[in-house]
Each structure stands twice: as structure tokens, then as C-alpha cells.
C-alpha atoms as a PDB file:
ATOM      1  CA  MET A   1      13.375  19.099 -68.383  1.00  0.00           C
ATOM      2  CA  LEU A   2      13.917  20.422 -64.873  1.00  0.00           C
ATOM      3  CA  PRO A   3      14.748  24.047 -64.344  1.00  0.00           C
ATOM      4  CA  PHE A   4      18.114  24.873 -62.805  1.00  0.00           C
ATOM      5  CA  TYR A   5      16.656  27.421 -60.457  1.00  0.00           C
ATOM      6  CA  VAL A   6      14.223  26.108 -57.843  1.00  0.00           C
ATOM      7  CA  PRO A   7      13.002  28.718 -55.383  1.00  0.00           C
ATOM      8  CA  LYS A   8      13.771  27.879 -51.751  1.00  0.00           C
ATOM      9  CA  THR A   9      10.757  27.532 -49.534  1.00  0.00           C
ATOM     10  CA  SER A  10      10.742  28.191 -45.853  1.00  0.00           C
ATOM     11  CA  GLN A  11      11.732  24.997 -43.997  1.00  0.00           C
ATOM     12  CA  GLY A  12      11.678  24.160 -40.269  1.00  0.00           C
ATOM     13  CA  PHE A  13      10.533  26.190 -37.311  1.00  0.00           C
ATOM     14  CA  THR A  14      11.740  29.517 -36.082  1.00  0.00           C
ATOM     15  CA  LEU A  15      13.222  29.902 -32.626  1.00  0.00           C
ATOM     16  CA  ILE A  16      10.049  31.654 -31.411  1.00  0.00           C
ATOM     17  CA  GLU A  17       7.857  28.782 -32.612  1.00  0.00           C
ATOM     18  CA  GLN A  18      10.092  26.237 -30.896  1.00  0.00           C
ATOM     19  CA  LEU A  19       9.988  28.176 -27.606  1.00  0.00           C
ATOM     20  CA  ILE A  20       6.187  28.386 -27.755  1.00  0.00           C
ATOM     21  CA  ILE A  21       5.935  24.605 -28.281  1.00  0.00           C
ATOM     22  CA  ILE A  22       8.332  23.925 -25.385  1.00  0.00           C
ATOM     23  CA  LEU A  23       6.311  26.265 -23.168  1.00  0.00           C
ATOM     24  CA  MET A  24       3.045  24.521 -24.068  1.00  0.00           C
ATOM     25  CA  VAL A  25       4.549  21.074 -23.396  1.00  0.00           C
ATOM     26  CA  GLY A  26       5.842  22.314 -20.026  1.00  0.00           C
ATOM     27  CA  ILE A  27       2.424  23.649 -19.037  1.00  0.00           C
ATOM     28  CA  LEU A  28       0.732  20.366 -19.992  1.00  0.00           C
ATOM     29  CA  ALA A  29       3.351  18.337 -18.101  1.00  0.00           C
ATOM     30  CA  SER A  30       2.864  20.412 -14.952  1.00  0.00           C
ATOM     31  CA  MET A  31      -0.887  19.809 -15.139  1.00  0.00           C
ATOM     32  CA  VAL A  32      -0.546  16.032 -15.626  1.00  0.00           C
ATOM     33  CA  ALA A  33       2.274  15.304 -13.124  1.00  0.00           C
ATOM     34  CA  PRO A  34       0.130  15.428  -9.939  1.00  0.00           C
ATOM     35  CA  SER A  35      -2.296  12.861 -11.289  1.00  0.00           C
ATOM     36  CA  PHE A  36       0.581  10.506 -12.111  1.00  0.00           C
ATOM     37  CA  GLN A  37       1.883  10.905  -8.563  1.00  0.00           C
ATOM     38  CA  GLY A  38      -1.584  10.080  -7.214  1.00  0.00           C
ATOM     39  CA  ILE A  39      -1.754   6.954  -9.368  1.00  0.00           C
ATOM     40  CA  SER A  40       1.707   5.896  -8.184  1.00  0.00           C
ATOM     41  CA  ASN A  41       0.808   6.438  -4.513  1.00  0.00           C
ATOM     42  CA  ARG A  42      -2.464   4.554  -4.910  1.00  0.00           C
ATOM     43  CA  SER A  43      -0.675   1.567  -6.441  1.00  0.00           C
ATOM     44  CA  LYS A  44       1.939   1.542  -3.625  1.00  0.00           C
ATOM     45  CA  VAL A  45      -0.774   1.493  -0.950  1.00  0.00           C
ATOM     46  CA  ASN A  46      -2.757  -1.195  -2.801  1.00  0.00           C
ATOM     47  CA  ALA A  47       0.337  -3.384  -3.204  1.00  0.00           C
ATOM     48  CA  ALA A  48       1.255  -3.020   0.478  1.00  0.00           C
ATOM     49  CA  ALA A  49      -2.308  -3.851   1.566  1.00  0.00           C
ATOM     50  CA  ASN A  50      -2.335  -6.938  -0.645  1.00  0.00           C
ATOM     51  CA  GLN A  51       1.024  -8.084   0.763  1.00  0.00           C
ATOM     52  CA  LEU A  52      -0.079  -7.615   4.365  1.00  0.00           C
ATOM     53  CA  GLN A  53      -3.433  -9.268   3.815  1.00  0.00           C
ATOM     54  CA  GLY A  54      -1.651 -12.174   2.101  1.00  0.00           C
ATOM     55  CA  ALA A  55       0.716 -12.547   5.067  1.00  0.00           C
ATOM     56  CA  LEU A  56      -2.187 -12.615   7.518  1.00  0.00           C
ATOM     57  CA  ARG A  57      -4.098 -15.194   5.479  1.00  0.00           C
ATOM     58  CA  GLU A  58      -0.968 -17.300   5.095  1.00  0.00           C
ATOM     59  CA  ALA A  59      -0.413 -17.327   8.864  1.00  0.00           C
ATOM     60  CA  GLN A  60      -4.065 -18.210   9.395  1.00  0.00           C
ATOM     61  CA  ARG A  61      -3.824 -21.115   6.923  1.00  0.00           C
ATOM     62  CA  GLN A  62      -0.612 -22.357   8.564  1.00  0.00           C
ATOM     63  CA  ALA A  63      -2.278 -22.311  11.998  1.00  0.00           C
ATOM     64  CA  ILE A  64      -5.145 -24.435  10.704  1.00  0.00           C
ATOM     65  CA  ARG A  65      -2.863 -26.743   8.716  1.00  0.00           C
ATOM     66  CA  LYS A  66      -0.381 -27.324  11.568  1.00  0.00           C
ATOM     67  CA  SER A  67      -3.073 -27.348  14.295  1.00  0.00           C
ATOM     68  CA  GLN A  68      -1.060 -24.913  16.359  1.00  0.00           C
ATOM     69  CA  ASP A  69      -0.956 -21.191  17.050  1.00  0.00           C
ATOM     70  CA  CYS A  70       0.677 -19.004  14.421  1.00  0.00           C
ATOM     71  CA  THR A  71       1.789 -15.455  15.120  1.00  0.00           C
ATOM     72  CA  VAL A  72       2.406 -12.457  12.876  1.00  0.00           C
ATOM     73  CA  THR A  73       4.331  -9.634  14.526  1.00  0.00           C
ATOM     74  CA  LEU A  74       3.612  -6.152  13.244  1.00  0.00           C
ATOM     75  CA  PRO A  75       6.014  -3.261  13.768  1.00  0.00           C
ATOM     76  CA  ALA A  76       5.108  -0.379  16.055  1.00  0.00           C
ATOM     77  CA  THR A  77       2.429   1.966  14.802  1.00  0.00           C
ATOM     78  CA  ASN A  78       3.554   4.867  12.564  1.00  0.00           C
ATOM     79  CA  THR A  79       6.472   2.852  11.151  1.00  0.00           C
ATOM     80  CA  THR A  80       7.475   3.734   7.584  1.00  0.00           C
ATOM     81  CA  SER A  81       8.411   0.920   5.144  1.00  0.00           C
ATOM     82  CA  PRO A  82       7.670  -1.764   7.759  1.00  0.00           C
ATOM     83  CA  LYS A  83       8.895  -5.349   7.557  1.00  0.00           C
ATOM     84  CA  ILE A  84       6.660  -8.244   8.568  1.00  0.00           C
ATOM     85  CA  PRO A  85       9.087 -11.044   9.576  1.00  0.00           C
ATOM     86  CA  PRO A  86       8.191 -14.720   9.848  1.00  0.00           C
ATOM     87  CA  SER A  87       7.599 -15.464  13.543  1.00  0.00           C
ATOM     88  CA  GLY A  88       9.076 -18.559  15.124  1.00  0.00           C
ATOM     89  CA  THR A  89      12.336 -20.148  14.112  1.00  0.00           C
ATOM     90  CA  THR A  90      11.324 -23.804  14.054  1.00  0.00           C
ATOM     91  CA  ASN A  91       7.857 -23.468  12.520  1.00  0.00           C
ATOM     92  CA  PRO A  92       7.569 -20.073  10.857  1.00  0.00           C
ATOM     93  CA  CYS A  93       4.043 -19.014   9.997  1.00  0.00           C
ATOM     94  CA  LEU A  94       5.075 -17.001   6.941  1.00  0.00           C
ATOM     95  CA  VAL A  95       6.522 -19.759   4.813  1.00  0.00           C
ATOM     96  CA  THR A  96       7.200 -17.398   1.914  1.00  0.00           C
ATOM     97  CA  GLY A  97       9.384 -15.144   4.086  1.00  0.00           C
ATOM     98  CA  THR A  98       9.525 -11.553   5.228  1.00  0.00           C
ATOM     99  CA  ARG A  99       7.162  -9.008   3.698  1.00  0.00           C
ATOM    100  CA  THR A 100       8.509  -5.477   3.202  1.00  0.00           C
ATOM    101  CA  LEU A 101       5.834  -2.852   2.686  1.00  0.00           C
ATOM    102  CA  ASN A 102       7.844  -0.257   0.767  1.00  0.00           C
ATOM    103  CA  ASP A 103       7.102   3.464   0.911  1.00  0.00           C
ATOM    104  CA  VAL A 104       4.054   3.194   3.170  1.00  0.00           C
ATOM    105  CA  THR A 105       3.337   3.939   6.816  1.00  0.00           C
ATOM    106  CA  ILE A 106       1.504   1.425   8.964  1.00  0.00           C
ATOM    107  CA  ARG A 107      -0.668   2.269  11.941  1.00  0.00           C
ATOM    108  CA  HIS A 108      -2.846  -0.076  13.933  1.00  0.00           C
ATOM    109  CA  ASN A 109      -4.713  -0.465  17.180  1.00  0.00           C
ATOM    110  CA  LEU A 110      -3.027  -3.725  18.150  1.00  0.00           C
ATOM    111  CA  GLY A 111      -0.820  -2.245  20.891  1.00  0.00           C
ATOM    112  CA  SER A 112      -3.228  -3.492  23.555  1.00  0.00           C
ATOM    113  CA  LEU A 113      -2.685  -7.135  22.558  1.00  0.00           C
ATOM    114  CA  THR A 114      -0.532  -9.312  24.777  1.00  0.00           C
ATOM    115  CA  PRO A 115       2.232  -9.467  23.699  1.00  0.00           C
ATOM    116  CA  ALA A 116       1.959  -6.117  21.959  1.00  0.00           C
ATOM    117  CA  ASN A 117       1.665  -5.921  18.157  1.00  0.00           C
ATOM    118  CA  GLU A 118       1.295  -9.688  17.726  1.00  0.00           C
ATOM    119  CA  ILE A 119      -1.619 -11.253  15.897  1.00  0.00           C
ATOM    120  CA  THR A 120      -1.892 -14.894  16.946  1.00  0.00           C
ATOM    121  CA  PHE A 121      -4.201 -17.220  15.045  1.00  0.00           C
ATOM    122  CA  ASP A 122      -5.329 -20.313  16.966  1.00  0.00           C
ATOM    123  CA  LEU A 123      -5.625 -23.798  15.484  1.00  0.00           C
ATOM    124  CA  ARG A 124      -9.084 -22.932  14.104  1.00  0.00           C
ATOM    125  CA  GLY A 125      -7.888 -19.703  12.487  1.00  0.00           C
ATOM    126  CA  GLY A 126      -9.542 -17.465  15.068  1.00  0.00           C
ATOM    127  CA  LEU A 127      -8.112 -14.746  17.275  1.00  0.00           C
ATOM    128  CA  ALA A 128      -8.432 -13.727  20.897  1.00  0.00           C
ATOM    129  CA  ALA A 129      -8.889 -10.082  19.831  1.00  0.00           C
ATOM    130  CA  GLY A 130      -9.116  -8.344  16.487  1.00  0.00           C
ATOM    131  CA  GLY A 131      -8.095  -4.944  15.301  1.00  0.00           C
ATOM    132  CA  THR A 132      -7.703  -2.485  12.456  1.00  0.00           C
ATOM    133  CA  ILE A 133      -4.567  -1.847  10.405  1.00  0.00           C
ATOM    134  CA  VAL A 134      -4.270   1.258   8.193  1.00  0.00           C
ATOM    135  CA  LEU A 135      -1.664   1.743   5.445  1.00  0.00           C
ATOM    136  CA  SER A 136      -0.944   5.162   3.942  1.00  0.00           C
ATOM    137  CA  ILE A 137       1.699   7.141   2.064  1.00  0.00           C
ATOM    138  CA  PRO A 138       3.821   9.221   4.454  1.00  0.00           C
ATOM    139  CA  ASN A 139       3.350  12.938   3.771  1.00  0.00           C
ATOM    140  CA  GLY A 140       1.597  12.145   0.519  1.00  0.00           C
ATOM    141  CA  THR A 141      -1.875  12.077  -0.892  1.00  0.00           C
ATOM    142  CA  PRO A 142      -4.556  10.956   1.548  1.00  0.00           C
ATOM    143  CA  GLN A 143      -4.888   7.536  -0.096  1.00  0.00           C
ATOM    144  CA  GLN A 144      -5.352   5.004   2.718  1.00  0.00           C
ATOM    145  CA  LYS A 145      -6.207   1.311   2.812  1.00  0.00           C
ATOM    146  CA  CYS A 146      -7.372  -0.607   5.846  1.00  0.00           C
ATOM    147  CA  ILE A 147      -7.472  -4.226   6.933  1.00  0.00           C
ATOM    148  CA  VAL A 148      -9.920  -5.241   9.658  1.00  0.00           C
ATOM    149  CA  ILE A 149      -9.500  -8.540  11.493  1.00  0.00           C
ATOM    150  CA  SER A 150     -12.444  -9.788  13.527  1.00  0.00           C
ATOM    151  CA  GLY A 151     -11.737 -11.428  16.850  1.00  0.00           C
ATOM    152  CA  SER A 152     -13.224 -14.847  17.393  1.00  0.00           C
ATOM    153  CA  MET A 153     -13.692 -16.015  13.809  1.00  0.00           C
ATOM    154  CA  GLY A 154     -10.557 -14.485  12.333  1.00  0.00           C
ATOM    155  CA  LEU A 155     -12.339 -12.939   9.364  1.00  0.00           C
ATOM    156  CA  ILE A 156     -10.103 -10.582   7.388  1.00  0.00           C
ATOM    157  CA  ARG A 157     -11.529  -7.838   5.213  1.00  0.00           C
ATOM    158  CA  SER A 158      -9.950  -4.892   3.473  1.00  0.00           C
ATOM    159  CA  GLY A 159     -11.247  -1.576   2.265  1.00  0.00           C
ATOM    160  CA  ASN A 160     -10.596   2.111   1.830  1.00  0.00           C
ATOM    161  CA  TYR A 161      -9.973   4.125   4.959  1.00  0.00           C
ATOM    162  CA  LEU A 162     -11.610   7.522   5.457  1.00  0.00           C
ATOM    163  CA  GLN A 163      -9.304  10.059   3.801  1.00  0.00           C
ATOM    164  CA  THR A 164      -9.897  12.809   6.339  1.00  0.00           C
ATOM    165  CA  ASP A 165      -8.802  10.625   9.275  1.00  0.00           C
ATOM    166  CA  THR A 166      -5.008  10.531   8.989  1.00  0.00           C
ATOM    167  CA  THR A 167      -4.221   9.425  12.547  1.00  0.00           C
ATOM    168  CA  GLY A 168      -6.989   7.033  13.602  1.00  0.00           C
ATOM    169  CA  THR A 169      -7.596   3.313  13.246  1.00  0.00           C
ATOM    170  CA  ASP A 170     -11.350   3.061  13.760  1.00  0.00           C
ATOM    171  CA  GLU A 171     -13.050   0.054  12.189  1.00  0.00           C
ATOM    172  CA  ASP A 172     -16.119   2.195  11.355  1.00  0.00           C
ATOM    173  CA  ASP A 173     -13.985   4.418   9.061  1.00  0.00           C
ATOM    174  CA  CYS A 174     -13.020   1.409   6.922  1.00  0.00           C
ATOM    175  CA  THR A 175     -15.409   1.028   3.994  1.00  0.00           C
ATOM    176  CA  SER A 176     -15.432  -2.276   2.142  1.00  0.00           C
ATOM    177  CA  GLN A 177     -14.386  -2.397  -1.474  1.00  0.00           C
END
């Protein structure tokens, strides 16, 4: 038989205990948040570099396939969230359309090309002159990716750009992955 009187035991948490737990969770969240932002920025730069490298390779393949010059026009250096449009209205080199590199800044040393900012692949996939393109997060962590295009052969390689150089586009500061 069960007794009619069952002593009440302490149940739940006190207000002080709840405040201490909330404070501890807040401290842990503030310690972890910067690393999540770094991961997010790194993935944005990697995605943009992959998109740009894909666009360049696509234009190079189209030049070889069509046996005619194919051009990719890059925006001016220090442009944020740049768009890489398909060049040419009758025979566009970027068959898959415009590439938008969201939330990144592009800088390059292609301003000396004629016409400026245009990368033109010849029918063999080569270039008259190469250059270096650097992608980074504007006002963010110093995560930078680079794409180097060699002149005559049209070789395209990517890598990590030197984190301390936030304004340059030197090929020597691009380390292969």
C-alpha cells in the first residue's frame, strides 16, 4: 500500500543556476563565433576561385573547340562581388552564362592587356600575355586565393595567396595547393 504523504523533493533549477548556465553558453559562443566566420569566409573565397577558374577553362576549351579566339572580360581591379559575363553575342565563350563571384573582391594585374582586363585565348588555348588574379574577402579575414595564367601555353593554376600582401598581385606570392 502506498502512503498518502510523499515528501516533495527539490525539482528544476533555481534562477541563479539558470543564469550561470546562460552565461557559460554565451562565453562559449563568443569564443567559437570567430572560427565559424573564418570557415565561412574561406568557403566563399574557395567557391569564387573555383567559379573563376572554371570560367577561364571553359573559355579556353571553347577557343580550341571552335578554332577561334575566345575572350573573358574581367571587371576592374578591386571590384566587390564581380560578374564575369559571357563575351561575344554570336559565339559566347562562356556557354554556361555569367559567373557572379559573391561577397569577394577581385584584383588582378591584367590592366596592361589590350584591350584592358580581357583575357583572350587563341585557337590553341594560349595567350598573348598572362597574369595573376587574387580573390579575397573585403574587410574580412586575410584568406586569399590566387589564379595564375601563363602566357604562351595558357596554363592555369590556382593556390593560396600570401596573407600579408593585401594589395598586390605578384605571381611569386601565389603558392600552389
